[in-house]
Structure formats: C-alpha cells, structure tokens
C-alpha cells in the first residue's frame, strides 16, 4: 500500500477526479507533517495519535569496529495506535 493506492481508494469512495483525490490525500499528509514540525500532537479518534518525542543524547557502539560514538539528541515522530485500530488488526 502506498500513497497512490490511498488516493485511488479516496477517488472510488467520493468520486470527483483522481487529481482531487490525490490533492486531498497530499493535504492530509502535509497537515500531519507540518503539525509535527511545530511540535503539535495529532489525535484521530479511533485511529491513533501522532506525537513528537525528544530522544536524549547517548553513547553508542559501532558494531563493526567496536568504537564508541556519540549520538546527538534528536526529535522524532511517533505513532500510538488507538484501541479501535488495535482491535481491527488482531
């Protein structure tokens, strides 16, 4: 499943044009991305929550050489599935 498949499913459900369906899907993904960039959480009832988490700086080991390297702190997106989604996948 990819973005084009999602756009096709939207097109089949609502009709209109394929371009409009692609734009709708792209708008949803852009909105999620831009909100996460701002540090905002996104909650979709029955689906899940997109959140931004801070990862602390740490020391890691290069498995090839055994050398210790410093991994800087970073911000990462996370997704927590909602109960309905978890139940549907079971």
N, C-alpha and C. Protein backbone atom coordinates (compact mmCIF):
# COMPACT_ATOMS: atom_id res chain seq x y z
N UNK A 1 0.86 -1.17 0.00
CA UNK A 1 0.00 0.00 0.00
C UNK A 1 0.91 1.23 0.00
N UNK A 2 0.60 2.16 -0.88
CA UNK A 2 1.34 3.42 -0.92
C UNK A 2 0.37 4.58 -1.09
N UNK A 3 0.93 5.78 -1.22
CA UNK A 3 0.10 6.98 -1.30
C UNK A 3 -0.84 6.95 -2.50
N UNK A 4 -0.38 6.41 -3.62
CA UNK A 4 -1.22 6.31 -4.82
C UNK A 4 -2.41 5.39 -4.58
N UNK A 5 -2.19 4.29 -3.86
CA UNK A 5 -3.29 3.38 -3.54
C UNK A 5 -4.32 4.05 -2.64
N UNK A 6 -3.85 4.85 -1.69
CA UNK A 6 -4.76 5.58 -0.81
C UNK A 6 -5.58 6.58 -1.63
N UNK A 7 -4.92 7.28 -2.55
CA UNK A 7 -5.62 8.25 -3.40
C UNK A 7 -6.67 7.54 -4.26
N UNK A 8 -6.34 6.35 -4.77
CA UNK A 8 -7.32 5.59 -5.57
C UNK A 8 -8.52 5.20 -4.72
N UNK A 9 -8.28 4.79 -3.46
CA UNK A 9 -9.39 4.42 -2.57
C UNK A 9 -10.28 5.63 -2.27
N UNK A 10 -9.67 6.80 -2.08
CA UNK A 10 -10.44 8.02 -1.84
C UNK A 10 -11.25 8.36 -3.09
N UNK A 11 -10.66 8.23 -4.26
CA UNK A 11 -11.35 8.51 -5.51
C UNK A 11 -12.57 7.60 -5.68
N UNK A 12 -12.39 6.30 -5.40
CA UNK A 12 -13.50 5.36 -5.53
C UNK A 12 -14.62 5.66 -4.54
N UNK A 13 -14.27 6.13 -3.35
CA UNK A 13 -15.27 6.39 -2.31
C UNK A 13 -16.04 7.68 -2.57
N UNK A 14 -15.34 8.77 -2.93
CA UNK A 14 -16.02 10.06 -3.04
C UNK A 14 -16.26 10.52 -4.47
N UNK A 15 -15.61 9.87 -5.44
CA UNK A 15 -15.79 10.28 -6.83
C UNK A 15 -14.99 11.53 -7.14
N UNK A 16 -15.52 12.35 -8.02
CA UNK A 16 -14.79 13.55 -8.43
C UNK A 16 -13.72 13.18 -9.44
N UNK A 17 -12.57 13.79 -9.31
CA UNK A 17 -11.46 13.48 -10.20
C UNK A 17 -10.34 12.82 -9.42
N UNK A 18 -9.49 12.09 -10.14
CA UNK A 18 -8.34 11.47 -9.48
C UNK A 18 -7.41 12.54 -8.92
N UNK A 19 -7.28 13.64 -9.63
CA UNK A 19 -6.41 14.74 -9.19
C UNK A 19 -6.91 15.30 -7.86
N UNK A 20 -8.22 15.45 -7.72
CA UNK A 20 -8.79 15.97 -6.46
C UNK A 20 -8.54 14.98 -5.33
N UNK A 21 -8.66 13.69 -5.60
CA UNK A 21 -8.40 12.68 -4.57
C UNK A 21 -6.94 12.70 -4.16
N UNK A 22 -6.04 12.82 -5.14
CA UNK A 22 -4.60 12.89 -4.84
C UNK A 22 -4.29 14.14 -4.01
N UNK A 23 -4.92 15.27 -4.36
CA UNK A 23 -4.72 16.51 -3.61
C UNK A 23 -5.22 16.37 -2.18
N UNK A 24 -6.35 15.69 -1.99
CA UNK A 24 -6.90 15.51 -0.65
C UNK A 24 -5.96 14.67 0.21
N UNK A 25 -5.44 13.59 -0.34
CA UNK A 25 -4.50 12.74 0.40
C UNK A 25 -3.23 13.52 0.71
N UNK A 26 -2.71 14.24 -0.26
CA UNK A 26 -1.50 15.03 -0.07
C UNK A 26 -1.71 16.10 1.00
N UNK A 27 -2.88 16.72 1.03
CA UNK A 27 -3.20 17.73 2.03
C UNK A 27 -3.20 17.14 3.43
N UNK A 28 -3.75 15.95 3.59
CA UNK A 28 -3.77 15.30 4.91
C UNK A 28 -2.34 15.03 5.38
N UNK A 29 -1.51 14.46 4.50
CA UNK A 29 -0.13 14.17 4.89
C UNK A 29 0.67 15.44 5.17
N UNK A 30 0.45 16.48 4.37
CA UNK A 30 1.14 17.75 4.61
C UNK A 30 0.72 18.35 5.95
N UNK A 31 -0.57 18.26 6.27
CA UNK A 31 -1.06 18.80 7.54
C UNK A 31 -0.42 18.06 8.72
N UNK A 32 -0.37 16.74 8.63
CA UNK A 32 0.24 15.95 9.71
C UNK A 32 1.72 16.31 9.85
N UNK A 33 2.43 16.38 8.73
CA UNK A 33 3.86 16.70 8.75
C UNK A 33 4.11 18.08 9.33
N UNK A 34 3.36 19.09 8.87
CA UNK A 34 3.57 20.46 9.35
C UNK A 34 3.22 20.60 10.83
N UNK A 35 2.19 19.91 11.29
CA UNK A 35 1.82 19.96 12.70
C UNK A 35 2.91 19.33 13.56
N UNK A 36 3.46 18.22 13.12
CA UNK A 36 4.54 17.57 13.88
C UNK A 36 5.79 18.43 13.88
N UNK A 37 6.07 19.13 12.78
CA UNK A 37 7.22 20.05 12.74
C UNK A 37 7.09 21.13 13.80
N UNK A 38 5.85 21.58 14.05
CA UNK A 38 5.60 22.62 15.05
C UNK A 38 5.60 22.05 16.47
N UNK A 39 5.69 20.72 16.61
CA UNK A 39 5.69 20.09 17.92
C UNK A 39 4.30 19.78 18.43
N UNK A 40 3.29 19.88 17.58
CA UNK A 40 1.91 19.61 17.98
C UNK A 40 1.59 18.13 17.85
N UNK A 41 0.76 17.62 18.75
CA UNK A 41 0.28 16.24 18.66
C UNK A 41 -1.00 16.22 17.83
N UNK A 42 -1.23 15.11 17.13
CA UNK A 42 -2.43 14.96 16.31
C UNK A 42 -3.15 13.71 16.77
N UNK A 43 -4.40 13.87 17.19
CA UNK A 43 -5.19 12.75 17.66
C UNK A 43 -6.35 12.51 16.69
N UNK A 44 -6.43 11.28 16.18
CA UNK A 44 -7.51 10.90 15.28
C UNK A 44 -8.32 9.84 16.02
N UNK A 45 -9.53 10.20 16.42
CA UNK A 45 -10.36 9.31 17.23
C UNK A 45 -10.55 7.97 16.54
N UNK A 46 -10.33 6.89 17.27
CA UNK A 46 -10.50 5.55 16.76
C UNK A 46 -9.33 5.05 15.93
N UNK A 47 -8.38 5.91 15.62
CA UNK A 47 -7.24 5.52 14.79
C UNK A 47 -5.95 5.53 15.59
N UNK A 48 -5.60 6.70 16.13
CA UNK A 48 -4.38 6.79 16.92
C UNK A 48 -3.93 8.22 17.12
N UNK A 49 -2.73 8.35 17.66
CA UNK A 49 -2.17 9.65 17.98
C UNK A 49 -0.76 9.75 17.40
N UNK A 50 -0.49 10.82 16.67
CA UNK A 50 0.85 11.14 16.20
C UNK A 50 1.44 12.11 17.21
N UNK A 51 2.63 11.82 17.73
CA UNK A 51 3.27 12.68 18.72
C UNK A 51 4.72 12.92 18.33
N UNK A 52 5.29 13.97 18.91
CA UNK A 52 6.70 14.30 18.73
C UNK A 52 7.40 14.00 20.04
N UNK A 53 8.48 13.23 19.97
CA UNK A 53 9.24 12.86 21.17
C UNK A 53 10.68 13.35 21.04
N UNK A 54 11.27 13.67 22.17
CA UNK A 54 12.68 14.05 22.23
C UNK A 54 13.50 12.82 22.59
N UNK A 55 14.55 12.54 21.84
CA UNK A 55 15.48 11.46 22.17
C UNK A 55 16.73 12.09 22.76
N UNK A 56 17.12 11.64 23.92
CA UNK A 56 18.29 12.20 24.59
C UNK A 56 19.57 11.79 23.86
N UNK A 57 20.61 12.58 24.05
CA UNK A 57 21.92 12.23 23.52
C UNK A 57 22.41 10.99 24.25
N UNK A 58 23.19 10.18 23.55
CA UNK A 58 23.66 8.94 24.17
C UNK A 58 24.95 8.49 23.51
N UNK A 59 25.57 7.53 24.13
CA UNK A 59 26.76 6.91 23.57
C UNK A 59 26.34 5.56 22.98
N UNK A 60 26.82 5.28 21.79
CA UNK A 60 26.51 4.01 21.12
C UNK A 60 27.81 3.36 20.67
N UNK A 61 27.73 2.12 20.27
CA UNK A 61 28.92 1.41 19.84
C UNK A 61 28.76 0.99 18.38
N UNK A 62 29.79 1.27 17.59
CA UNK A 62 29.83 0.84 16.20
C UNK A 62 30.08 -0.67 16.21
N UNK A 63 29.14 -1.48 15.72
CA UNK A 63 29.31 -2.94 15.80
C UNK A 63 30.46 -3.47 14.94
N UNK A 64 30.81 -2.75 13.90
CA UNK A 64 31.88 -3.20 13.02
C UNK A 64 33.26 -3.01 13.65
N UNK A 65 33.46 -1.84 14.29
CA UNK A 65 34.78 -1.53 14.84
C UNK A 65 34.83 -1.62 16.35
N UNK A 66 33.68 -1.60 17.00
CA UNK A 66 33.65 -1.60 18.47
C UNK A 66 33.90 -0.23 19.06
N UNK A 67 34.09 0.76 18.21
CA UNK A 67 34.37 2.13 18.65
C UNK A 67 33.10 2.77 19.24
N UNK A 68 33.27 3.52 20.32
CA UNK A 68 32.16 4.25 20.93
C UNK A 68 31.97 5.56 20.18
N UNK A 69 30.72 5.85 19.83
CA UNK A 69 30.41 7.10 19.12
C UNK A 69 29.32 7.84 19.87
N UNK A 70 29.33 9.16 19.75
CA UNK A 70 28.32 10.00 20.40
C UNK A 70 27.16 10.19 19.42
N UNK A 71 25.93 9.90 19.90
CA UNK A 71 24.72 10.12 19.12
C UNK A 71 24.04 11.35 19.71
N UNK A 72 23.89 12.43 18.93
CA UNK A 72 23.30 13.65 19.49
C UNK A 72 21.80 13.51 19.77
N UNK A 73 21.29 14.41 20.60
CA UNK A 73 19.84 14.44 20.89
C UNK A 73 19.10 14.78 19.60
N UNK A 74 17.90 14.26 19.48
CA UNK A 74 17.12 14.49 18.27
C UNK A 74 15.63 14.45 18.59
N UNK A 75 14.84 14.96 17.67
CA UNK A 75 13.39 14.93 17.77
C UNK A 75 12.87 13.94 16.75
N UNK A 76 11.96 13.04 17.17
CA UNK A 76 11.45 12.00 16.28
C UNK A 76 9.92 11.93 16.35
N UNK A 77 9.27 11.58 15.23
CA UNK A 77 7.82 11.37 15.26
C UNK A 77 7.52 9.97 15.78
N UNK A 78 6.41 9.83 16.49
CA UNK A 78 5.95 8.54 17.00
C UNK A 78 4.47 8.41 16.69
N UNK A 79 3.99 7.17 16.60
CA UNK A 79 2.58 6.91 16.41
C UNK A 79 2.13 5.89 17.44
N UNK A 80 1.05 6.21 18.14
CA UNK A 80 0.44 5.28 19.09
C UNK A 80 -0.92 4.90 18.53
N UNK A 81 -1.10 3.63 18.25
CA UNK A 81 -2.36 3.15 17.70
C UNK A 81 -3.47 3.22 18.74
N UNK A 82 -4.67 3.60 18.29
CA UNK A 82 -5.84 3.64 19.17
C UNK A 82 -6.43 2.25 19.34
N UNK A 83 -7.33 2.14 20.31
CA UNK A 83 -7.94 0.85 20.64
C UNK A 83 -8.66 0.24 19.44
N UNK A 84 -9.42 1.05 18.71
CA UNK A 84 -10.16 0.52 17.56
C UNK A 84 -9.23 -0.06 16.51
N UNK A 85 -8.12 0.62 16.25
CA UNK A 85 -7.16 0.14 15.27
C UNK A 85 -6.50 -1.14 15.75
N UNK A 86 -6.13 -1.19 17.02
CA UNK A 86 -5.52 -2.39 17.58
C UNK A 86 -6.48 -3.57 17.49
N UNK A 87 -7.75 -3.34 17.81
CA UNK A 87 -8.75 -4.42 17.77
C UNK A 87 -8.99 -4.88 16.32
N UNK A 88 -8.95 -3.96 15.35
CA UNK A 88 -9.20 -4.31 13.97
C UNK A 88 -8.06 -5.16 13.40
N UNK A 89 -6.85 -4.93 13.88
CA UNK A 89 -5.68 -5.66 13.36
C UNK A 89 -5.57 -7.05 13.97
N UNK A 90 -6.10 -7.25 15.17
CA UNK A 90 -5.98 -8.55 15.84
C UNK A 90 -6.59 -9.66 15.04
